[in-house]
Amino acid sequence: MFTVFSSIHSMAFEAVWAYKLRSFFVVLGVALGIASLTLIIMSVDGANRKAMEIVEMFGPDAAFVLGGNFKKRAAGMRTLTLSHEDATRIRQSLPGAYLVVPMRAQVGRTVKYRNKNYQDVFIVGATENYGQVWNWPLVEGRDIRPEDEQAGARVALVGDKPARELFGEESPVGKIIFIKDIPFQVVGRLAHRGGAGGGDPNNRIIIPLSTLTRRFNMDRKYFRALRVKFYEPEYMDAHIENLRLLLRHLHKLKPEEDDDFTILTADEVLKFLSVFKGGLTIFLGVTATIAMLVGGFVLANLFTISVSERCEEIGLKRALGAHRSAIMFQFLMEASLLTLLGGFLGLALGYGLGKFLSRLDILTIQFSWKVFGMAMFSSLAVGLVFGLKPARHAAGLDPIRALKGEG
């Protein structure tokens, strides 16, 4: 039995190699479908992983408020609508709120330490308790303190990435760095935080908000964002509605006017990711299905032609005692070899494209053995389904007519 299987396997390889151009078209069609399928699975898994990271980062007890109504996306929309008065009133008047941290940022700054320069750093200005309000532990040093904010102190927390780029394995605490040629003493270092897509969260340095606005000549009345943490997260819906109503009151908005701010929670972000994931799955799913169907039809048509051209070969094998099942098995083996080869190529293409899109921050991908298994299973299924009819036709040929070349 093993000898027969080995012989059929060998003949299948020889037949695949003998018809290189046809094999190429079959492999290419299946590869494009598998590449799309690979992207679907990796991007969905990556989106799920990103969602879990966002939930962990946000926590179930917090809200992130941005100036401007990004849900409406109105032309000429103001984004500096949150003021220090808002932050003060939220601290004093909002039931359940126990941490309120306003923030503003500068993008793409160069940071220097001795003879080292590190570019494109995200500089965040914040008040005290930045690490606590973002559930972001410090591996060493301390957080921003109230007195730092009051004095406009030149102190900084460094994220993991600039810490490694500027200091290597040394401790950054106590060292002096320069931002816009202004010296800052590092007082703490944030722990590494996972994340891919949408920028690296570790690539940041945090300084007091008052220092940022003074030293970078920014409007001191307004800030860009506000982070609020609440007691009793089971009542988050009520907390968020109270926060919205308070901000509308502080901004003197009329009932018919839209909010001039946007409140985000972990649930809101998860809803967005769910919609994004669903749209991505549908788009790539249709693409994968069409590509694999095209590959399958190409395989079926080319194998039908191949049966007609190989009538004498089939007739000779039947005359020498080959069973119909052996003939059918050989053709199915050839089809499966081609589609599995297409599966491996598609897996490589999909993974390569996914890594490329991930570097561009377009997609977040995550490779797993599930991707490999589904790609190989789908490839094999295409080979068996679309190769079955030509294989049955080849097995059903009359030996005498086949030897005469009559398919």
Protein backbone atom coordinates (compact mmCIF):
# COMPACT_ATOMS: atom_id res chain seq x y z
CA MET A 1 0.00 0.00 0.00
CA PHE A 2 2.81 2.37 0.91
CA THR A 3 4.61 1.54 -2.37
CA VAL A 4 1.48 2.37 -4.37
CA PHE A 5 0.99 5.65 -2.48
CA SER A 6 4.65 6.58 -2.98
CA SER A 7 4.41 5.81 -6.69
CA ILE A 8 1.27 7.92 -7.12
CA HIS A 9 2.87 10.73 -5.13
CA SER A 10 5.95 10.66 -7.36
CA MET A 11 3.89 10.67 -10.56
CA ALA A 12 1.85 13.58 -9.26
CA PHE A 13 5.02 15.59 -8.65
CA GLU A 14 6.28 14.79 -12.15
CA ALA A 15 2.99 15.83 -13.74
CA VAL A 16 2.94 19.11 -11.82
CA TRP A 17 6.49 19.85 -12.90
CA ALA A 18 5.80 18.88 -16.53
CA TYR A 19 3.06 21.50 -16.93
CA LYS A 20 4.87 24.46 -15.39
CA LEU A 21 2.86 27.32 -16.93
CA ARG A 22 -0.49 25.81 -15.96
CA SER A 23 0.82 25.05 -12.52
CA PHE A 24 1.97 28.65 -12.17
CA PHE A 25 -1.49 30.07 -12.93
CA VAL A 26 -3.16 27.71 -10.46
CA VAL A 27 -0.61 28.49 -7.74
CA LEU A 28 -0.92 32.25 -8.36
CA GLY A 29 -4.73 32.23 -8.19
CA VAL A 30 -4.78 30.29 -4.94
CA ALA A 31 -1.92 32.36 -3.49
CA LEU A 32 -3.81 35.63 -3.96
CA GLY A 33 -6.83 34.19 -2.17
CA ILE A 34 -4.76 32.79 0.68
CA ALA A 35 -2.86 36.09 1.00
CA SER A 36 -6.16 37.90 1.53
CA LEU A 37 -7.35 35.22 3.96
CA THR A 38 -4.08 35.49 5.87
CA LEU A 39 -4.48 39.26 6.11
CA ILE A 40 -8.04 38.85 7.40
CA ILE A 41 -7.08 36.48 10.20
CA MET A 42 -3.92 38.35 11.21
CA SER A 43 -5.59 41.76 11.16
CA VAL A 44 -8.63 40.54 13.11
CA ASP A 45 -6.36 38.87 15.67
CA GLY A 46 -4.25 42.02 15.77
CA ALA A 47 -7.34 44.18 16.25
CA ASN A 48 -8.47 41.94 19.11
CA ARG A 49 -5.05 42.23 20.73
CA LYS A 50 -5.08 46.00 20.24
CA ALA A 51 -8.55 46.17 21.74
CA MET A 52 -7.36 44.35 24.85
CA GLU A 53 -4.39 46.72 25.14
CA ILE A 54 -6.72 49.70 24.85
CA VAL A 55 -9.04 48.30 27.51
CA GLU A 56 -6.04 47.76 29.78
CA MET A 57 -4.73 51.26 29.05
CA PHE A 58 -8.09 52.98 29.49
CA GLY A 59 -9.37 50.88 32.31
CA PRO A 60 -13.09 50.48 32.94
CA ASP A 61 -13.13 53.49 35.27
CA ALA A 62 -11.86 56.33 33.09
CA ALA A 63 -12.83 58.78 30.37
CA PHE A 64 -10.65 60.67 27.90
CA VAL A 65 -12.03 64.04 26.81
CA LEU A 66 -10.78 65.76 23.65
CA GLY A 67 -11.46 69.33 22.60
CA GLY A 68 -13.61 69.50 19.47
CA ASN A 69 -16.48 67.28 18.34
CA PHE A 70 -14.73 64.63 16.24
CA LYS A 71 -17.94 62.68 15.70
CA LYS A 72 -19.39 65.59 13.69
CA ARG A 73 -16.12 66.54 11.95
CA ALA A 74 -17.40 70.02 11.17
CA ALA A 75 -15.37 72.29 8.90
CA GLY A 76 -13.32 74.82 10.85
CA MET A 77 -13.89 72.91 14.09
CA ARG A 78 -12.17 74.35 17.16
CA THR A 79 -10.06 71.82 19.04
CA LEU A 80 -8.94 74.02 21.94
CA THR A 81 -12.21 74.12 23.87
CA LEU A 82 -11.13 72.67 27.22
CA SER A 83 -9.92 75.14 29.84
CA HIS A 84 -8.30 75.01 33.28
CA GLU A 85 -11.61 76.20 34.68
CA ASP A 86 -13.20 73.03 33.24
CA ALA A 87 -10.61 70.88 35.00
CA THR A 88 -11.07 72.72 38.29
CA ARG A 89 -14.86 72.49 38.21
CA ILE A 90 -14.75 68.79 37.32
CA ARG A 91 -12.47 68.14 40.30
CA GLN A 92 -14.74 70.10 42.60
CA SER A 93 -18.23 69.34 41.32
CA LEU A 94 -18.39 66.08 39.34
CA PRO A 95 -19.72 63.22 41.51
CA GLY A 96 -17.45 60.19 41.59
CA ALA A 97 -14.43 61.80 39.88
CA TYR A 98 -11.21 61.43 41.86
CA LEU A 99 -8.44 62.08 39.33
CA VAL A 100 -8.49 64.85 36.71
CA VAL A 101 -5.38 65.40 34.56
CA PRO A 102 -5.37 67.96 31.71
CA MET A 103 -2.87 67.43 28.88
CA ARG A 104 -1.39 69.06 25.84
CA ALA A 105 1.33 67.88 23.46
CA GLN A 106 4.07 68.79 21.03
CA VAL A 107 4.84 66.35 18.22
CA GLY A 108 8.12 65.60 16.49
CA ARG A 109 10.57 67.17 18.93
CA THR A 110 14.27 66.34 19.10
CA VAL A 111 15.66 65.36 22.49
CA LYS A 112 19.38 65.57 23.28
CA TYR A 113 21.56 63.91 25.88
CA ARG A 114 25.27 64.68 25.71
CA ASN A 115 26.28 63.84 22.12
CA LYS A 116 23.13 61.82 21.33
CA ASN A 117 20.10 63.16 19.49
CA TYR A 118 16.77 61.36 19.34
CA GLN A 119 14.16 62.76 16.95
CA ASP A 120 10.37 62.67 16.56
CA VAL A 121 9.55 62.37 20.24
CA PHE A 122 6.01 63.03 21.50
CA ILE A 123 6.24 65.63 24.29
CA VAL A 124 3.24 65.60 26.66
CA GLY A 125 2.46 68.36 29.12
CA ALA A 126 0.42 67.11 32.08
CA THR A 127 -0.34 67.83 35.71
CA GLU A 128 0.44 65.52 38.63
CA ASN A 129 -0.41 61.79 38.68
CA TYR A 130 0.08 61.19 34.94
CA GLY A 131 1.17 57.58 35.48
CA GLN A 132 -1.71 56.84 37.86
CA VAL A 133 -4.40 58.36 35.67
CA TRP A 134 -3.23 56.24 32.69
CA ASN A 135 -2.67 53.06 34.71
CA TRP A 136 0.97 53.35 33.65
CA PRO A 137 3.46 52.22 36.31
CA LEU A 138 6.91 53.73 36.73
CA VAL A 139 9.86 51.36 36.79
CA GLU A 140 11.97 53.92 38.65
CA GLY A 141 11.85 57.46 39.96
CA ARG A 142 8.69 59.45 40.65
CA ASP A 143 5.71 61.00 38.88
CA ILE A 144 5.00 64.69 38.22
CA ARG A 145 4.10 66.41 41.50
CA PRO A 146 1.77 69.37 42.25
CA GLU A 147 4.74 71.58 43.11
CA ASP A 148 6.32 70.81 39.71
CA GLU A 149 3.20 72.10 37.98
CA GLN A 150 2.92 75.17 40.22
CA ALA A 151 6.55 76.18 39.74
CA GLY A 152 6.75 75.32 36.04
CA ALA A 153 9.63 73.02 36.92
CA ARG A 154 11.93 71.64 34.24
CA VAL A 155 11.50 67.99 35.16
CA ALA A 156 10.51 65.06 32.95
CA LEU A 157 9.24 61.50 32.89
CA VAL A 158 10.70 59.52 30.01
CA GLY A 159 9.01 56.71 28.13
CA ASP A 160 10.76 53.42 27.52
CA LYS A 161 11.82 54.16 23.94
CA PRO A 162 13.63 57.49 24.42
CA ALA A 163 15.14 56.07 27.62
CA ARG A 164 16.69 53.19 25.67
CA GLU A 165 17.74 55.36 22.73
CA LEU A 166 19.44 58.01 24.88
CA PHE A 167 20.66 56.06 27.91
CA GLY A 168 20.89 52.42 26.82
CA GLU A 169 20.96 50.24 29.91
CA GLU A 170 21.82 53.15 32.24
CA SER A 171 19.24 54.62 34.57
CA PRO A 172 17.94 57.94 33.19
CA VAL A 173 16.84 59.24 36.61
CA GLY A 174 18.82 62.32 37.61
CA LYS A 175 20.25 62.87 34.12
CA ILE A 176 19.81 66.14 32.21
CA ILE A 177 18.21 66.08 28.76
CA PHE A 178 17.56 68.98 26.38
CA ILE A 179 14.25 69.64 24.64
CA LYS A 180 14.34 72.64 22.30
CA ASP A 181 17.68 73.49 23.94
CA ILE A 182 15.94 73.73 27.33
CA PRO A 183 17.43 71.49 30.08
CA PHE A 184 15.14 69.07 31.90
CA GLN A 185 16.05 66.74 34.75
CA VAL A 186 14.67 63.23 34.39
CA VAL A 187 12.78 62.29 37.57
CA GLY A 188 11.14 59.04 36.47
CA ARG A 189 10.87 56.39 33.80
CA LEU A 190 7.62 54.83 32.57
CA ALA A 191 7.34 51.07 32.13
CA HIS A 192 7.26 49.63 28.63
CA ARG A 193 3.73 49.51 27.27
CA GLY A 194 2.77 47.21 24.40
CA GLY A 195 1.22 48.66 21.30
CA ALA A 196 1.41 48.59 17.53
CA GLY A 197 -0.37 50.64 14.95
CA GLY A 198 -1.20 54.27 15.43
CA GLY A 199 2.30 55.06 16.76
CA ASP A 200 4.41 53.72 19.61
CA PRO A 201 2.99 54.77 23.00
CA ASN A 202 6.46 54.39 24.55
CA ASN A 203 7.90 57.16 22.37
CA ARG A 204 7.03 60.03 24.71
CA ILE A 205 8.37 62.33 27.38
CA ILE A 206 6.08 63.94 29.97
CA ILE A 207 6.77 67.36 31.47
CA PRO A 208 4.59 69.66 33.63
CA LEU A 209 1.79 71.27 31.62
CA SER A 210 2.69 74.75 32.88
CA THR A 211 6.28 74.22 31.72
CA LEU A 212 5.14 73.11 28.26
CA THR A 213 2.90 76.14 27.72
CA ARG A 214 5.48 78.63 28.99
CA ARG A 215 8.56 77.23 27.29
CA PHE A 216 6.87 76.44 23.96
CA ASN A 217 4.86 79.70 23.78
CA MET A 218 1.45 78.01 23.84
CA ASP A 219 -1.96 79.32 24.96
CA ARG A 220 -2.03 78.86 28.75
CA LYS A 221 -5.79 79.01 29.14
CA TYR A 222 -6.70 75.99 27.04
CA PHE A 223 -5.39 72.45 26.74
CA ARG A 224 -6.03 69.66 24.27
CA ALA A 225 -7.28 66.74 26.35
CA LEU A 226 -8.48 65.74 29.77
CA ARG A 227 -8.26 62.39 31.52
CA VAL A 228 -10.78 61.65 34.29
CA LYS A 229 -10.96 58.61 36.58
CA PHE A 230 -14.03 57.64 38.56
CA TYR A 231 -14.96 55.64 41.61
CA GLU A 232 -17.56 52.90 41.08
CA PRO A 233 -16.93 51.98 37.40
CA GLU A 234 -20.19 50.01 37.33
CA TYR A 235 -21.93 53.39 37.02
CA MET A 236 -19.80 54.63 34.12
CA ASP A 237 -22.78 55.46 31.91
CA ALA A 238 -24.09 57.84 34.59
CA HIS A 239 -20.60 59.27 35.18
CA ILE A 240 -20.12 59.99 31.47
CA GLU A 241 -23.54 61.63 31.14
CA ASN A 242 -22.84 63.82 34.20
CA LEU A 243 -19.48 64.79 32.71
CA ARG A 244 -21.08 65.68 29.39
CA LEU A 245 -23.79 67.79 30.99
CA LEU A 246 -21.27 69.62 33.20
CA LEU A 247 -19.03 70.47 30.23
CA ARG A 248 -22.01 71.68 28.19
CA HIS A 249 -23.01 73.91 31.11
CA LEU A 250 -19.47 75.26 31.53
CA HIS A 251 -19.20 75.95 27.79
CA LYS A 252 -22.64 77.65 27.78
CA LEU A 253 -23.94 75.48 24.96
CA LYS A 254 -27.60 75.83 23.98
CA PRO A 255 -29.80 72.70 23.83
CA GLU A 256 -29.80 72.70 20.03
CA GLU A 257 -26.02 73.09 19.78
CA ASP A 258 -23.70 70.11 19.38
CA ASP A 259 -21.05 69.27 21.96
CA ASP A 260 -17.75 71.07 21.33
CA PHE A 261 -15.83 68.19 22.90
CA THR A 262 -15.56 64.41 22.47
CA ILE A 263 -15.69 61.92 25.35
CA LEU A 264 -14.01 58.57 24.78
CA THR A 265 -14.17 55.50 26.99
CA ALA A 266 -12.86 51.98 26.48
CA ASP A 267 -16.34 50.95 25.32
CA GLU A 268 -16.41 53.70 22.69
CA VAL A 269 -13.03 52.68 21.31
CA LEU A 270 -14.05 49.00 21.28
CA LYS A 271 -17.19 49.89 19.32
CA PHE A 272 -15.09 51.73 16.76
CA LEU A 273 -12.65 48.83 16.50
CA SER A 274 -15.54 46.41 16.13
CA VAL A 275 -16.94 48.40 13.19
CA PHE A 276 -13.47 48.70 11.65
CA LYS A 277 -12.83 44.99 12.13
CA GLY A 278 -16.19 44.09 10.58
CA GLY A 279 -15.60 46.29 7.53
CA LEU A 280 -12.10 44.92 7.09
CA THR A 281 -13.32 41.34 7.38
CA ILE A 282 -16.06 41.88 4.77
CA PHE A 283 -13.73 43.63 2.32
CA LEU A 284 -10.88 41.15 2.59
CA GLY A 285 -13.31 38.22 2.85
CA VAL A 286 -14.92 39.09 -0.49
CA THR A 287 -11.47 39.58 -2.01
CA ALA A 288 -10.24 36.23 -0.66
CA THR A 289 -13.37 34.38 -1.81
CA ILE A 290 -13.21 35.81 -5.34
CA ALA A 291 -9.48 35.14 -5.66
CA MET A 292 -9.80 31.57 -4.40
CA LEU A 293 -12.81 30.88 -6.63
CA VAL A 294 -10.86 32.20 -9.61
CA GLY A 295 -7.94 29.97 -8.64
CA GLY A 296 -10.31 27.02 -8.26
CA PHE A 297 -11.95 27.54 -11.66
CA VAL A 298 -8.54 27.96 -13.30
CA LEU A 299 -7.50 24.68 -11.68
CA ALA A 300 -10.67 22.88 -12.83
CA ASN A 301 -10.39 24.14 -16.41
CA LEU A 302 -6.68 23.42 -16.75
CA PHE A 303 -7.06 19.96 -15.27
CA THR A 304 -9.92 19.22 -17.65
CA ILE A 305 -7.66 20.19 -20.55
CA SER A 306 -4.87 18.15 -18.96
CA VAL A 307 -7.08 15.05 -18.85
CA SER A 308 -7.78 15.40 -22.59
CA GLU A 309 -4.06 15.79 -23.37
CA ARG A 310 -3.05 12.86 -21.14
CA CYS A 311 -5.56 10.35 -22.45
CA GLU A 312 -2.86 7.99 -23.73
CA GLU A 313 -1.01 8.13 -20.41
CA ILE A 314 -4.24 7.37 -18.52
CA GLY A 315 -5.17 4.59 -20.97
CA LEU A 316 -1.75 2.98 -20.63
CA LYS A 317 -1.94 3.02 -16.84
CA ARG A 318 -5.41 1.48 -16.94
CA ALA A 319 -4.21 -1.17 -19.40
CA LEU A 320 -1.35 -2.05 -17.06
CA GLY A 321 -3.82 -2.66 -14.24
CA ALA A 322 -4.18 0.72 -12.48
CA HIS A 323 -7.50 1.03 -10.68
CA ARG A 324 -9.84 3.93 -11.29
CA SER A 325 -9.33 5.00 -7.70
CA ALA A 326 -5.57 5.24 -8.29
CA ILE A 327 -6.09 7.47 -11.34
CA MET A 328 -8.50 9.70 -9.46
CA PHE A 329 -6.20 9.81 -6.45
CA GLN A 330 -3.26 10.88 -8.64
CA PHE A 331 -5.18 13.80 -10.14
CA LEU A 332 -6.47 14.86 -6.73
CA MET A 333 -2.91 14.62 -5.45
CA GLU A 334 -1.71 16.90 -8.27
CA ALA A 335 -4.46 19.42 -7.53
CA SER A 336 -3.72 19.34 -3.82
CA LEU A 337 0.02 19.81 -4.36
CA LEU A 338 -0.61 22.88 -6.50
CA THR A 339 -3.08 24.47 -4.11
CA LEU A 340 -0.93 23.71 -1.07
CA LEU A 341 2.01 25.33 -2.86
CA GLY A 342 -0.27 28.29 -3.55
CA GLY A 343 -1.22 28.26 0.13
CA PHE A 344 2.41 28.51 1.25
CA LEU A 345 3.08 31.30 -1.26
CA GLY A 346 -0.10 33.13 -0.23
CA LEU A 347 0.81 32.78 3.45
CA ALA A 348 4.20 34.36 2.77
CA LEU A 349 2.65 37.14 0.65
CA GLY A 350 -0.04 37.85 3.24
CA TYR A 351 2.44 37.91 6.11
CA GLY A 352 4.85 40.16 4.18
CA LEU A 353 2.08 42.58 3.21
CA GLY A 354 0.77 42.55 6.76
CA LYS A 355 4.19 43.44 8.18
CA PHE A 356 4.53 46.22 5.61
CA LEU A 357 1.12 47.69 6.48
CA SER A 358 1.93 47.32 10.18
CA ARG A 359 5.12 49.37 9.74
CA LEU A 360 3.04 52.07 8.04
CA ASP A 361 0.64 52.01 11.03
CA ILE A 362 -2.24 51.03 8.71
CA LEU A 363 -2.91 47.62 10.26
CA THR A 364 -2.02 45.83 13.44
CA ILE A 365 -1.29 42.18 12.73
CA GLN A 366 -0.65 39.13 14.86
CA PHE A 367 0.59 35.84 13.40
CA SER A 368 -0.51 32.58 15.00
CA TRP A 369 -0.67 28.90 14.13
CA LYS A 370 -4.37 29.42 13.52
CA VAL A 371 -3.42 31.48 10.46
CA PHE A 372 -1.19 28.69 9.15
CA GLY A 373 -3.79 26.00 9.80
CA MET A 374 -6.66 27.87 8.14
CA ALA A 375 -4.52 28.79 5.13
CA MET A 376 -3.45 25.20 4.55
CA PHE A 377 -6.95 23.83 5.14
CA SER A 378 -8.46 26.35 2.69
CA SER A 379 -5.80 25.58 0.08
CA LEU A 380 -6.39 21.84 0.38
CA ALA A 381 -10.17 22.33 0.22
CA VAL A 382 -9.86 24.29 -3.05
CA GLY A 383 -7.69 21.54 -4.54
CA LEU A 384 -10.05 18.74 -3.54
CA VAL A 385 -13.30 20.52 -4.45
CA PHE A 386 -12.25 21.91 -7.82
CA GLY A 387 -10.00 18.99 -8.70
CA LEU A 388 -12.66 16.34 -8.02
CA LYS A 389 -14.59 16.63 -11.31
CA PRO A 390 -11.49 16.42 -13.60
CA ALA A 391 -10.17 13.55 -11.42
CA ARG A 392 -13.43 11.60 -11.72
CA HIS A 393 -13.47 12.25 -15.47
CA ALA A 394 -9.93 10.90 -15.80
CA ALA A 395 -10.77 7.85 -13.70
CA GLY A 396 -13.88 7.14 -15.79
CA LEU A 397 -12.14 7.08 -19.18
CA ASP A 398 -12.45 3.87 -21.18
CA PRO A 399 -8.93 2.35 -21.45
CA ILE A 400 -9.24 1.44 -25.15
CA ARG A 401 -10.55 4.83 -26.23
CA ALA A 402 -8.01 6.56 -24.02
CA LEU A 403 -5.13 4.68 -25.67
CA LYS A 404 -6.42 5.94 -29.03
CA GLY A 405 -6.34 9.48 -27.63
CA GLU A 406 -10.09 9.84 -27.43
CA GLY A 407 -10.97 11.71 -24.27
